[in-house]
Amino acid sequence: MMKLCLALSRAIDRLNERVGRLCYWLVLVAVLISSGNAIVRYTFDRSSNAWLEVQWYLFSAVFLFCAGYTLLHNQHVRIDIVSGRFSKRARTWIEVFGTVFFLLPMAVTIGWLSWPVFVDAYVRHEVSTNAGGLTVWPARLMVPMGFLLLVLQGVSELIKRVAFLQGLIPDPDEKDEGPSAEEQLAEQLRRERGEAA
């Protein structure tokens, strides 16, 4: 049974990894649209609410769709003042407790409550109240989709923590992702100083 659960966890991880990497490109598109909109506004004294709303949609997509990706990479905000003093097993139990009693109920509730809001916007063909604004339902759909991705990643993290507590896999928090960009830059500067000396 646990092998099947771990296979499900790996599939969820792959999904959120792909979504997260896609969102890298959404950031670039948002920056290009924002820059283009600013150039047109200040150069030709023309503007469009639609382009402003596209920026908001893209920012919302990045924020919502990357919640699961952030959880996958253990980059979410956490206060470890107390739990940092516990053993790894105790911290894992805290993660399990927090996932079951806080993360999953919150994400499921928000996703569940946001679905009728999307359906209503879709059925009524809701349009932004701004002049020249966009159709609203795509933005409304992003909320339940983003929270679905977060729920899935929460399930994946829960599976990994339980498997770790059973001794079936190594600690899922200890990922060898190599040196960070800052560490690589520091190493390159050290080498350059050594060559210059």
N, C-alpha and C. Protein backbone atom coordinates (compact mmCIF):
# COMPACT_ATOMS: atom_id res chain seq x y z
N MET A 1 0.82 -1.20 0.00
CA MET A 1 0.00 0.00 0.00
C MET A 1 0.87 1.26 0.00
N MET A 2 1.93 1.25 0.83
CA MET A 2 2.79 2.44 0.91
C MET A 2 3.53 2.67 -0.40
N LYS A 3 3.86 1.59 -1.14
CA LYS A 3 4.52 1.76 -2.44
C LYS A 3 3.60 2.50 -3.40
N LEU A 4 2.32 2.15 -3.37
CA LEU A 4 1.34 2.84 -4.21
C LEU A 4 1.23 4.31 -3.81
N CYS A 5 1.20 4.56 -2.50
CA CYS A 5 1.12 5.94 -2.01
C CYS A 5 2.35 6.74 -2.42
N LEU A 6 3.53 6.13 -2.34
CA LEU A 6 4.75 6.83 -2.74
C LEU A 6 4.77 7.10 -4.24
N ALA A 7 4.22 6.19 -5.03
CA ALA A 7 4.12 6.43 -6.47
C ALA A 7 3.19 7.61 -6.74
N LEU A 8 2.08 7.68 -6.00
CA LEU A 8 1.17 8.82 -6.11
C LEU A 8 1.90 10.11 -5.71
N SER A 9 2.66 10.05 -4.64
CA SER A 9 3.43 11.22 -4.18
C SER A 9 4.40 11.70 -5.25
N ARG A 10 5.10 10.77 -5.89
CA ARG A 10 6.04 11.16 -6.96
C ARG A 10 5.31 11.79 -8.14
N ALA A 11 4.12 11.28 -8.47
CA ALA A 11 3.34 11.85 -9.57
C ALA A 11 2.90 13.28 -9.23
N ILE A 12 2.45 13.49 -8.00
CA ILE A 12 2.04 14.84 -7.56
C ILE A 12 3.24 15.77 -7.59
N ASP A 13 4.39 15.28 -7.12
CA ASP A 13 5.61 16.11 -7.14
C ASP A 13 5.97 16.52 -8.56
N ARG A 14 5.87 15.58 -9.50
CA ARG A 14 6.18 15.91 -10.90
C ARG A 14 5.21 16.96 -11.44
N LEU A 15 3.93 16.82 -11.11
CA LEU A 15 2.93 17.78 -11.57
C LEU A 15 3.25 19.18 -11.05
N ASN A 16 3.48 19.31 -9.74
CA ASN A 16 3.76 20.62 -9.18
C ASN A 16 5.10 21.18 -9.65
N GLU A 17 6.05 20.30 -9.91
CA GLU A 17 7.34 20.76 -10.46
C GLU A 17 7.13 21.36 -11.84
N ARG A 18 6.35 20.70 -12.67
CA ARG A 18 6.08 21.22 -14.03
C ARG A 18 5.30 22.53 -13.97
N VAL A 19 4.30 22.58 -13.11
CA VAL A 19 3.51 23.82 -12.98
C VAL A 19 4.41 24.96 -12.50
N GLY A 20 5.25 24.68 -11.52
CA GLY A 20 6.16 25.70 -11.01
C GLY A 20 7.11 26.22 -12.06
N ARG A 21 7.66 25.32 -12.86
CA ARG A 21 8.58 25.74 -13.93
C ARG A 21 7.85 26.51 -15.02
N LEU A 22 6.61 26.18 -15.28
CA LEU A 22 5.81 26.94 -16.23
C LEU A 22 5.58 28.36 -15.72
N CYS A 23 5.39 28.47 -14.42
CA CYS A 23 5.16 29.80 -13.83
C CYS A 23 6.39 30.70 -13.93
N TYR A 24 7.59 30.13 -14.05
CA TYR A 24 8.77 30.97 -14.31
C TYR A 24 8.51 31.81 -15.54
N TRP A 25 7.94 31.19 -16.57
CA TRP A 25 7.69 31.89 -17.83
C TRP A 25 6.57 32.91 -17.67
N LEU A 26 5.60 32.62 -16.81
CA LEU A 26 4.53 33.59 -16.57
C LEU A 26 5.09 34.87 -15.95
N VAL A 27 6.11 34.74 -15.11
CA VAL A 27 6.74 35.92 -14.53
C VAL A 27 7.35 36.76 -15.64
N LEU A 28 8.05 36.11 -16.56
CA LEU A 28 8.66 36.85 -17.68
C LEU A 28 7.59 37.54 -18.52
N VAL A 29 6.52 36.82 -18.83
CA VAL A 29 5.44 37.41 -19.63
C VAL A 29 4.84 38.61 -18.89
N ALA A 30 4.64 38.49 -17.59
CA ALA A 30 4.08 39.60 -16.80
C ALA A 30 5.00 40.82 -16.84
N VAL A 31 6.29 40.58 -16.73
CA VAL A 31 7.26 41.70 -16.77
C VAL A 31 7.24 42.36 -18.15
N LEU A 32 7.21 41.56 -19.21
CA LEU A 32 7.19 42.13 -20.56
C LEU A 32 5.91 42.93 -20.81
N ILE A 33 4.78 42.41 -20.38
CA ILE A 33 3.52 43.13 -20.55
C ILE A 33 3.52 44.42 -19.73
N SER A 34 4.00 44.33 -18.51
CA SER A 34 4.07 45.50 -17.65
C SER A 34 4.98 46.57 -18.26
N SER A 35 6.12 46.16 -18.76
CA SER A 35 7.05 47.11 -19.38
C SER A 35 6.45 47.71 -20.64
N GLY A 36 5.87 46.86 -21.47
CA GLY A 36 5.26 47.36 -22.71
C GLY A 36 4.13 48.33 -22.43
N ASN A 37 3.33 47.99 -21.42
CA ASN A 37 2.21 48.86 -21.06
C ASN A 37 2.73 50.22 -20.56
N ALA A 38 3.77 50.21 -19.75
CA ALA A 38 4.33 51.46 -19.23
C ALA A 38 4.93 52.29 -20.37
N ILE A 39 5.64 51.65 -21.29
CA ILE A 39 6.24 52.37 -22.42
C ILE A 39 5.16 53.02 -23.27
N VAL A 40 4.12 52.27 -23.60
CA VAL A 40 3.03 52.81 -24.42
C VAL A 40 2.32 53.95 -23.68
N ARG A 41 2.10 53.76 -22.38
CA ARG A 41 1.40 54.78 -21.61
C ARG A 41 2.17 56.09 -21.57
N TYR A 42 3.50 56.03 -21.34
CA TYR A 42 4.28 57.26 -21.21
C TYR A 42 4.75 57.82 -22.55
N THR A 43 4.88 56.96 -23.56
CA THR A 43 5.33 57.44 -24.86
C THR A 43 4.17 57.98 -25.70
N PHE A 44 3.08 57.24 -25.74
CA PHE A 44 1.95 57.61 -26.60
C PHE A 44 0.73 58.12 -25.83
N ASP A 45 0.86 58.20 -24.50
CA ASP A 45 -0.23 58.66 -23.65
C ASP A 45 -1.50 57.84 -23.88
N ARG A 46 -1.33 56.53 -24.02
CA ARG A 46 -2.46 55.61 -24.20
C ARG A 46 -2.31 54.49 -23.18
N SER A 47 -3.45 54.01 -22.74
CA SER A 47 -3.42 52.92 -21.77
C SER A 47 -4.64 52.04 -21.96
N SER A 48 -4.57 50.87 -21.38
CA SER A 48 -5.69 49.93 -21.50
C SER A 48 -5.85 49.18 -20.18
N ASN A 49 -7.06 49.20 -19.66
CA ASN A 49 -7.34 48.44 -18.44
C ASN A 49 -7.17 46.94 -18.68
N ALA A 50 -7.41 46.50 -19.89
CA ALA A 50 -7.26 45.08 -20.20
C ALA A 50 -5.82 44.63 -19.97
N TRP A 51 -4.86 45.45 -20.40
CA TRP A 51 -3.45 45.07 -20.21
C TRP A 51 -3.08 45.07 -18.73
N LEU A 52 -3.63 46.02 -17.98
CA LEU A 52 -3.39 46.03 -16.53
C LEU A 52 -3.97 44.77 -15.88
N GLU A 53 -5.16 44.39 -16.31
CA GLU A 53 -5.78 43.20 -15.74
C GLU A 53 -5.06 41.92 -16.14
N VAL A 54 -4.49 41.89 -17.33
CA VAL A 54 -3.68 40.73 -17.72
C VAL A 54 -2.51 40.58 -16.75
N GLN A 55 -1.89 41.70 -16.39
CA GLN A 55 -0.79 41.65 -15.41
C GLN A 55 -1.29 41.07 -14.09
N TRP A 56 -2.45 41.52 -13.63
CA TRP A 56 -2.99 41.01 -12.37
C TRP A 56 -3.28 39.52 -12.48
N TYR A 57 -3.83 39.10 -13.60
CA TYR A 57 -4.13 37.68 -13.80
C TYR A 57 -2.85 36.85 -13.74
N LEU A 58 -1.81 37.33 -14.41
CA LEU A 58 -0.55 36.59 -14.43
C LEU A 58 0.07 36.53 -13.04
N PHE A 59 0.04 37.65 -12.31
CA PHE A 59 0.57 37.65 -10.95
C PHE A 59 -0.23 36.68 -10.08
N SER A 60 -1.55 36.69 -10.22
CA SER A 60 -2.40 35.78 -9.45
C SER A 60 -2.08 34.33 -9.78
N ALA A 61 -1.88 34.04 -11.06
CA ALA A 61 -1.56 32.68 -11.48
C ALA A 61 -0.25 32.22 -10.84
N VAL A 62 0.76 33.08 -10.88
CA VAL A 62 2.06 32.72 -10.28
C VAL A 62 1.89 32.48 -8.79
N PHE A 63 1.21 33.37 -8.11
CA PHE A 63 1.03 33.25 -6.66
C PHE A 63 0.26 31.99 -6.30
N LEU A 64 -0.87 31.75 -6.97
CA LEU A 64 -1.72 30.62 -6.62
C LEU A 64 -1.14 29.28 -7.07
N PHE A 65 -0.62 29.22 -8.29
CA PHE A 65 -0.14 27.94 -8.82
C PHE A 65 1.20 27.53 -8.23
N CYS A 66 1.93 28.48 -7.67
CA CYS A 66 3.23 28.13 -7.08
C CYS A 66 3.15 27.77 -5.60
N ALA A 67 1.97 27.81 -5.01
CA ALA A 67 1.86 27.43 -3.60
C ALA A 67 2.27 25.97 -3.39
N GLY A 68 1.79 25.08 -4.25
CA GLY A 68 2.18 23.68 -4.16
C GLY A 68 3.65 23.48 -4.48
N TYR A 69 4.15 24.21 -5.46
CA TYR A 69 5.57 24.15 -5.84
C TYR A 69 6.45 24.60 -4.68
N THR A 70 6.02 25.65 -3.99
CA THR A 70 6.77 26.15 -2.83
C THR A 70 6.79 25.11 -1.72
N LEU A 71 5.66 24.47 -1.49
CA LEU A 71 5.60 23.41 -0.47
C LEU A 71 6.48 22.23 -0.86
N LEU A 72 6.48 21.88 -2.13
CA LEU A 72 7.33 20.79 -2.62
C LEU A 72 8.80 21.04 -2.31
N HIS A 73 9.22 22.28 -2.48
CA HIS A 73 10.64 22.62 -2.27
C HIS A 73 10.92 23.11 -0.85
N ASN A 74 9.93 22.95 0.04
CA ASN A 74 10.10 23.29 1.45
C ASN A 74 10.56 24.73 1.62
N GLN A 75 9.97 25.64 0.86
CA GLN A 75 10.36 27.04 0.89
C GLN A 75 9.29 27.94 1.51
N HIS A 76 8.27 27.34 2.09
CA HIS A 76 7.21 28.15 2.70
C HIS A 76 7.69 28.74 4.02
N VAL A 77 7.00 29.78 4.46
CA VAL A 77 7.38 30.46 5.70
C VAL A 77 7.09 29.55 6.87
N ARG A 78 8.04 29.50 7.77
CA ARG A 78 7.92 28.61 8.92
C ARG A 78 8.63 29.26 10.09
N ILE A 79 8.11 29.10 11.29
CA ILE A 79 8.76 29.64 12.48
C ILE A 79 9.27 28.45 13.28
N ASP A 80 10.58 28.28 13.31
CA ASP A 80 11.18 27.10 13.92
C ASP A 80 11.83 27.39 15.27
N ILE A 81 11.36 28.41 15.97
CA ILE A 81 11.97 28.76 17.25
C ILE A 81 11.88 27.60 18.23
N VAL A 82 10.72 26.97 18.29
CA VAL A 82 10.52 25.86 19.23
C VAL A 82 10.87 24.53 18.58
N SER A 83 10.32 24.27 17.38
CA SER A 83 10.50 22.94 16.78
C SER A 83 11.95 22.68 16.38
N GLY A 84 12.75 23.71 16.19
CA GLY A 84 14.16 23.52 15.85
C GLY A 84 14.94 22.81 16.94
N ARG A 85 14.41 22.79 18.15
CA ARG A 85 15.09 22.14 19.28
C ARG A 85 14.73 20.67 19.42
N PHE A 86 13.72 20.23 18.64
CA PHE A 86 13.26 18.84 18.73
C PHE A 86 14.07 17.95 17.80
N SER A 87 13.93 16.65 18.01
CA SER A 87 14.57 15.68 17.13
C SER A 87 13.88 15.70 15.76
N LYS A 88 14.53 15.09 14.78
CA LYS A 88 13.95 15.07 13.42
C LYS A 88 12.61 14.34 13.43
N ARG A 89 12.50 13.26 14.17
CA ARG A 89 11.22 12.53 14.22
C ARG A 89 10.12 13.40 14.84
N ALA A 90 10.46 14.14 15.88
CA ALA A 90 9.46 15.00 16.52
C ALA A 90 9.02 16.10 15.56
N ARG A 91 10.00 16.69 14.83
CA ARG A 91 9.65 17.73 13.85
C ARG A 91 8.79 17.14 12.74
N THR A 92 9.05 15.89 12.36
CA THR A 92 8.23 15.25 11.33
C THR A 92 6.81 15.04 11.83
N TRP A 93 6.67 14.65 13.08
CA TRP A 93 5.32 14.50 13.65
C TRP A 93 4.59 15.85 13.68
N ILE A 94 5.31 16.92 13.96
CA ILE A 94 4.71 18.26 13.93
C ILE A 94 4.25 18.59 12.51
N GLU A 95 5.07 18.23 11.52
CA GLU A 95 4.68 18.45 10.11
C GLU A 95 3.41 17.67 9.77
N VAL A 96 3.35 16.42 10.22
CA VAL A 96 2.16 15.59 9.96
C VAL A 96 0.94 16.23 10.61
N PHE A 97 1.08 16.62 11.87
CA PHE A 97 -0.03 17.26 12.59
C PHE A 97 -0.48 18.54 11.88
N GLY A 98 0.47 19.39 11.54
CA GLY A 98 0.14 20.65 10.87
C GLY A 98 -0.51 20.45 9.51
N THR A 99 -0.05 19.44 8.79
CA THR A 99 -0.64 19.15 7.47
C THR A 99 -2.07 18.66 7.60
N VAL A 100 -2.29 17.72 8.54
CA VAL A 100 -3.62 17.11 8.69
C VAL A 100 -4.63 18.08 9.30
N PHE A 101 -4.20 18.86 10.29
CA PHE A 101 -5.17 19.68 11.02
C PHE A 101 -5.21 21.15 10.61
N PHE A 102 -4.22 21.61 9.83
CA PHE A 102 -4.22 23.02 9.44
C PHE A 102 -4.17 23.19 7.92
N LEU A 103 -3.12 22.69 7.29
CA LEU A 103 -2.94 22.92 5.85
C LEU A 103 -4.09 22.34 5.03
N LEU A 104 -4.34 21.05 5.16
CA LEU A 104 -5.37 20.42 4.32
C LEU A 104 -6.77 20.96 4.59
N PRO A 105 -7.20 21.11 5.85
CA PRO A 105 -8.54 21.69 6.04
C PRO A 105 -8.67 23.11 5.48
N MET A 106 -7.64 23.95 5.66
CA MET A 106 -7.69 25.32 5.15
C MET A 106 -7.75 25.31 3.62
N ALA A 107 -6.88 24.55 2.98
CA ALA A 107 -6.82 24.55 1.51
C ALA A 107 -8.08 23.94 0.90
N VAL A 108 -8.59 22.86 1.48
CA VAL A 108 -9.82 22.24 0.97
C VAL A 108 -10.99 23.21 1.13
N THR A 109 -11.08 23.87 2.28
CA THR A 109 -12.19 24.80 2.52
C THR A 109 -12.16 25.96 1.53
N ILE A 110 -11.00 26.57 1.34
CA ILE A 110 -10.91 27.70 0.40
C ILE A 110 -11.21 27.24 -1.02
N GLY A 111 -10.66 26.10 -1.41
CA GLY A 111 -10.94 25.57 -2.74
C GLY A 111 -12.42 25.28 -2.93
N TRP A 112 -13.04 24.67 -1.93
CA TRP A 112 -14.46 24.32 -1.98
C TRP A 112 -15.33 25.57 -2.07
N LEU A 113 -15.02 26.56 -1.26
CA LEU A 113 -15.82 27.79 -1.24
C LEU A 113 -15.61 28.66 -2.47
N SER A 114 -14.47 28.54 -3.10
CA SER A 114 -14.19 29.37 -4.28
C SER A 114 -14.80 28.79 -5.56
N TRP A 115 -15.12 27.51 -5.56
CA TRP A 115 -15.69 26.89 -6.76
C TRP A 115 -17.02 27.52 -7.17
N PRO A 116 -17.99 27.70 -6.27
CA PRO A 116 -19.25 28.33 -6.68
C PRO A 116 -19.06 29.77 -7.18
N VAL A 117 -18.06 30.46 -6.65
CA VAL A 117 -17.78 31.82 -7.12
C VAL A 117 -17.35 31.79 -8.58
N PHE A 118 -16.49 30.82 -8.92
CA PHE A 118 -16.08 30.66 -10.32
C PHE A 118 -17.28 30.30 -11.19
N VAL A 119 -18.09 29.33 -10.76
CA VAL A 119 -19.24 28.87 -11.56
C VAL A 119 -20.20 30.03 -11.79
N ASP A 120 -20.45 30.83 -10.76
CA ASP A 120 -21.36 31.97 -10.91
C ASP A 120 -20.79 32.98 -11.92
N ALA A 121 -19.50 33.27 -11.84
CA ALA A 121 -18.88 34.21 -12.78
C ALA A 121 -18.94 33.67 -14.21
N TYR A 122 -18.76 32.36 -14.35
CA TYR A 122 -18.79 31.74 -15.68
C TYR A 122 -20.20 31.76 -16.27
N VAL A 123 -21.19 31.39 -15.46
CA VAL A 123 -22.58 31.32 -15.93
C VAL A 123 -23.10 32.72 -16.28
N ARG A 124 -22.74 33.71 -15.47
CA ARG A 124 -23.25 35.07 -15.70
C ARG A 124 -22.39 35.86 -16.70
N HIS A 125 -21.31 35.24 -17.20
CA HIS A 125 -20.39 35.92 -18.13
C HIS A 125 -19.91 37.23 -17.52
N GLU A 126 -19.50 37.13 -16.24
CA GLU A 126 -19.08 38.32 -15.50
C GLU A 126 -17.87 38.98 -16.16
N VAL A 127 -17.94 40.29 -16.28
CA VAL A 127 -16.85 41.08 -16.87
C VAL A 127 -16.40 42.08 -15.82
N SER A 128 -15.14 42.45 -15.89
CA SER A 128 -14.59 43.43 -14.96
C SER A 128 -15.40 44.72 -14.99
N THR A 129 -15.48 45.38 -13.86
CA THR A 129 -16.19 46.65 -13.78
C THR A 129 -15.38 47.80 -14.37
N ASN A 130 -14.09 47.57 -14.63
CA ASN A 130 -13.26 48.60 -15.25
C ASN A 130 -13.59 48.72 -16.73
N ALA A 131 -13.55 49.92 -17.25
CA ALA A 131 -13.80 50.14 -18.68
C ALA A 131 -12.75 49.38 -19.49
N GLY A 132 -13.21 48.58 -20.44
CA GLY A 132 -12.28 47.80 -21.26
C GLY A 132 -11.68 46.62 -20.54
N GLY A 133 -12.27 46.25 -19.40
CA GLY A 133 -11.73 45.15 -18.60
C GLY A 133 -12.01 43.80 -19.22
N LEU A 134 -11.46 42.78 -18.61
CA LEU A 134 -11.53 41.42 -19.14
C LEU A 134 -12.66 40.61 -18.50
N THR A 135 -12.90 39.46 -19.08
CA THR A 135 -13.81 38.48 -18.50
C THR A 135 -13.21 38.01 -17.18
N VAL A 136 -14.03 37.83 -16.17
CA VAL A 136 -13.55 37.56 -14.82
C VAL A 136 -13.38 36.08 -14.52
N TRP A 137 -14.14 35.20 -15.21
CA TRP A 137 -14.13 33.80 -14.78
C TRP A 137 -12.75 33.14 -14.83
N PRO A 138 -11.83 33.48 -15.75
CA PRO A 138 -10.51 32.83 -15.67
C PRO A 138 -9.78 33.13 -14.36
N ALA A 139 -9.93 34.35 -13.88
CA ALA A 139 -9.29 34.70 -12.60
C ALA A 139 -9.96 33.95 -11.46
N ARG A 140 -11.28 33.82 -11.53
CA ARG A 140 -12.00 33.10 -10.48
C ARG A 140 -11.64 31.61 -10.48
N LEU A 141 -11.37 31.06 -11.65
CA LEU A 141 -11.00 29.64 -11.75
C LEU A 141 -9.62 29.36 -11.16
N MET A 142 -8.75 30.36 -11.19
CA MET A 142 -7.40 30.16 -10.67
C MET A 142 -7.39 29.84 -9.18
N VAL A 143 -8.35 30.34 -8.43
CA VAL A 143 -8.36 30.11 -6.98
C VAL A 143 -8.59 28.64 -6.66
N PRO A 144 -9.67 27.99 -7.12
CA PRO A 144 -9.80 26.57 -6.79
C PRO A 144 -8.69 25.71 -7.40
N MET A 145 -8.21 26.08 -8.59
CA MET A 145 -7.11 25.29 -9.20
C MET A 145 -5.84 25.40 -8.36
N GLY A 146 -5.52 26.61 -7.93
CA GLY A 146 -4.32 26.80 -7.11
C GLY A 146 -4.40 26.05 -5.80
N PHE A 147 -5.57 26.09 -5.17
CA PHE A 147 -5.72 25.38 -3.90
C PHE A 147 -5.80 23.87 -4.10
N LEU A 148 -6.28 23.42 -5.25
CA LEU A 148 -6.23 21.99 -5.56
C LEU A 148 -4.76 21.52 -5.65
N LEU A 149 -3.94 22.30 -6.32
CA LEU A 149 -2.52 21.95 -6.40
C LEU A 149 -1.87 21.93 -5.02
N LEU A 150 -2.26 22.87 -4.16
CA LEU A 150 -1.73 22.90 -2.80
C LEU A 150 -2.20 21.69 -2.00
N VAL A 151 -3.47 21.32 -2.13
CA VAL A 151 -4.00 20.13 -1.44
C VAL A 151 -3.24 18.88 -1.91
N LEU A 152 -3.08 18.74 -3.22
CA LEU A 152 -2.35 17.58 -3.74
C LEU A 152 -0.94 17.52 -3.17
N GLN A 153 -0.26 18.67 -3.14
CA GLN A 153 1.11 18.67 -2.61
C GLN A 153 1.12 18.39 -1.12
N GLY A 154 0.10 18.87 -0.41
CA GLY A 154 -0.01 18.54 1.01
C GLY A 154 -0.15 17.04 1.23
N VAL A 155 -0.95 16.39 0.39
CA VAL A 155 -1.10 14.92 0.46
C VAL A 155 0.24 14.25 0.18
N SER A 156 0.95 14.74 -0.83
CA SER A 156 2.25 14.18 -1.17
C SER A 156 3.24 14.31 -0.01
N GLU A 157 3.27 15.49 0.60
CA GLU A 157 4.19 15.70 1.73
C GLU A 157 3.80 14.83 2.92
N LEU A 158 2.51 14.66 3.13
CA LEU A 158 2.04 13.80 4.21
C LEU A 158 2.49 12.36 3.97
N ILE A 159 2.35 11.87 2.75
CA ILE A 159 2.79 10.51 2.40
C ILE A 159 4.28 10.35 2.67
N LYS A 160 5.06 11.34 2.24
CA LYS A 160 6.52 11.25 2.44
C LYS A 160 6.89 11.26 3.91
N ARG A 161 6.20 12.05 4.71
CA ARG A 161 6.51 12.11 6.14
C ARG A 161 6.16 10.79 6.83
N VAL A 162 5.02 10.22 6.47
CA VAL A 162 4.63 8.93 7.06
C VAL A 162 5.62 7.84 6.64
N ALA A 163 6.01 7.84 5.38
CA ALA A 163 7.00 6.85 4.91
C ALA A 163 8.33 7.02 5.63
N PHE A 164 8.73 8.26 5.89
CA PHE A 164 9.97 8.51 6.63
C PHE A 164 9.84 7.98 8.06
N LEU A 165 8.70 8.24 8.71
CA LEU A 165 8.51 7.76 10.08
C LEU A 165 8.52 6.23 10.15
N GLN A 166 8.11 5.57 9.06
CA GLN A 166 8.13 4.11 9.00
C GLN A 166 9.50 3.58 8.58
N GLY A 167 10.43 4.47 8.28
CA GLY A 167 11.78 4.05 7.89
C GLY A 167 11.88 3.57 6.46
N LEU A 168 10.93 3.92 5.62
CA LEU A 168 10.91 3.44 4.23
C LEU A 168 11.69 4.34 3.27
N ILE A 169 11.81 5.61 3.60
CA ILE A 169 12.55 6.54 2.74
C ILE A 169 13.41 7.44 3.62
N PRO A 170 14.46 8.04 3.02
CA PRO A 170 15.25 8.99 3.80
C PRO A 170 14.44 10.26 4.08
N ASP A 171 14.99 11.11 4.91
CA ASP A 171 14.31 12.35 5.29
C ASP A 171 13.98 13.16 4.05
N PRO A 172 12.70 13.43 3.79
CA PRO A 172 12.33 14.17 2.58
C PRO A 172 12.76 15.63 2.61
N ASP A 173 13.09 16.16 3.78
CA ASP A 173 13.54 17.55 3.86
C ASP A 173 15.00 17.72 3.47
N GLU A 174 15.75 16.64 3.50
CA GLU A 174 17.17 16.72 3.15
C GLU A 174 17.34 16.39 1.68
N LYS A 175 17.30 17.43 0.86
CA LYS A 175 17.45 17.25 -0.57
C LYS A 175 18.78 17.85 -0.99
N ASP A 176 19.57 17.09 -1.68
CA ASP A 176 20.85 17.59 -2.18
C ASP A 176 20.61 18.28 -3.51
N GLU A 177 20.38 19.59 -3.43
CA GLU A 177 20.13 20.35 -4.64
C GLU A 177 21.37 21.10 -5.10
N GLY A 178 22.51 20.76 -4.49
CA GLY A 178 23.75 21.40 -4.89
C GLY A 178 23.86 22.79 -4.28
N PRO A 179 24.95 23.47 -4.60
CA PRO A 179 25.14 24.81 -4.04
C PRO A 179 24.13 25.80 -4.61
N SER A 180 23.76 26.79 -3.79
CA SER A 180 22.83 27.82 -4.23
C SER A 180 23.55 28.77 -5.19
N ALA A 181 22.79 29.63 -5.83
CA ALA A 181 23.38 30.61 -6.76
C ALA A 181 24.37 31.50 -6.03
N GLU A 182 24.06 31.87 -4.79
CA GLU A 182 24.96 32.72 -4.01
C GLU A 182 26.26 31.98 -3.70
N GLU A 183 26.14 30.70 -3.34
CA GLU A 183 27.34 29.91 -3.05
C GLU A 183 28.19 29.73 -4.31
N GLN A 184 27.57 29.53 -5.45
CA GLN A 184 28.31 29.41 -6.71
C GLN A 184 29.04 30.70 -7.03
N LEU A 185 28.38 31.84 -6.83
CA LEU A 185 29.01 33.13 -7.10
C LEU A 185 30.18 33.36 -6.16
N ALA A 186 30.02 33.04 -4.87
CA ALA A 186 31.11 33.20 -3.90
C ALA A 186 32.30 32.33 -4.28
N GLU A 187 32.04 31.10 -4.72
CA GLU A 187 33.12 30.21 -5.15
C GLU A 187 33.84 30.76 -6.37
N GLN A 188 33.08 31.29 -7.32
CA GLN A 188 33.69 31.87 -8.52
C GLN A 188 34.55 33.08 -8.16
N LEU A 189 34.09 33.92 -7.25
CA LEU A 189 34.88 35.08 -6.81
C LEU A 189 36.15 34.65 -6.11
N ARG A 190 36.07 33.59 -5.30
CA ARG A 190 37.28 33.07 -4.63
C ARG A 190 38.29 32.59 -5.65
N ARG A 191 37.80 31.88 -6.68
CA ARG A 191 38.72 31.39 -7.71
C ARG A 191 39.38 32.54 -8.46
N GLU A 192 38.56 33.56 -8.79
CA GLU A 192 39.10 34.71 -9.51
C GLU A 192 40.14 35.46 -8.68
N ARG A 193 39.89 35.58 -7.39
CA ARG A 193 40.88 36.24 -6.50
C ARG A 193 42.16 35.42 -6.42
N GLY A 194 41.98 34.09 -6.37
CA GLY A 194 43.16 33.21 -6.32
C GLY A 194 43.98 33.30 -7.59
N GLU A 195 43.32 33.41 -8.75
CA GLU A 195 44.05 33.54 -10.03
C GLU A 195 44.72 34.89 -10.14
N ALA A 196 44.09 35.94 -9.58
CA ALA A 196 44.67 37.29 -9.67
C ALA A 196 45.88 37.44 -8.76
N ALA A 197 45.93 36.67 -7.68
CA ALA A 197 47.04 36.78 -6.72
C ALA A 197 48.22 36.06 -7.21
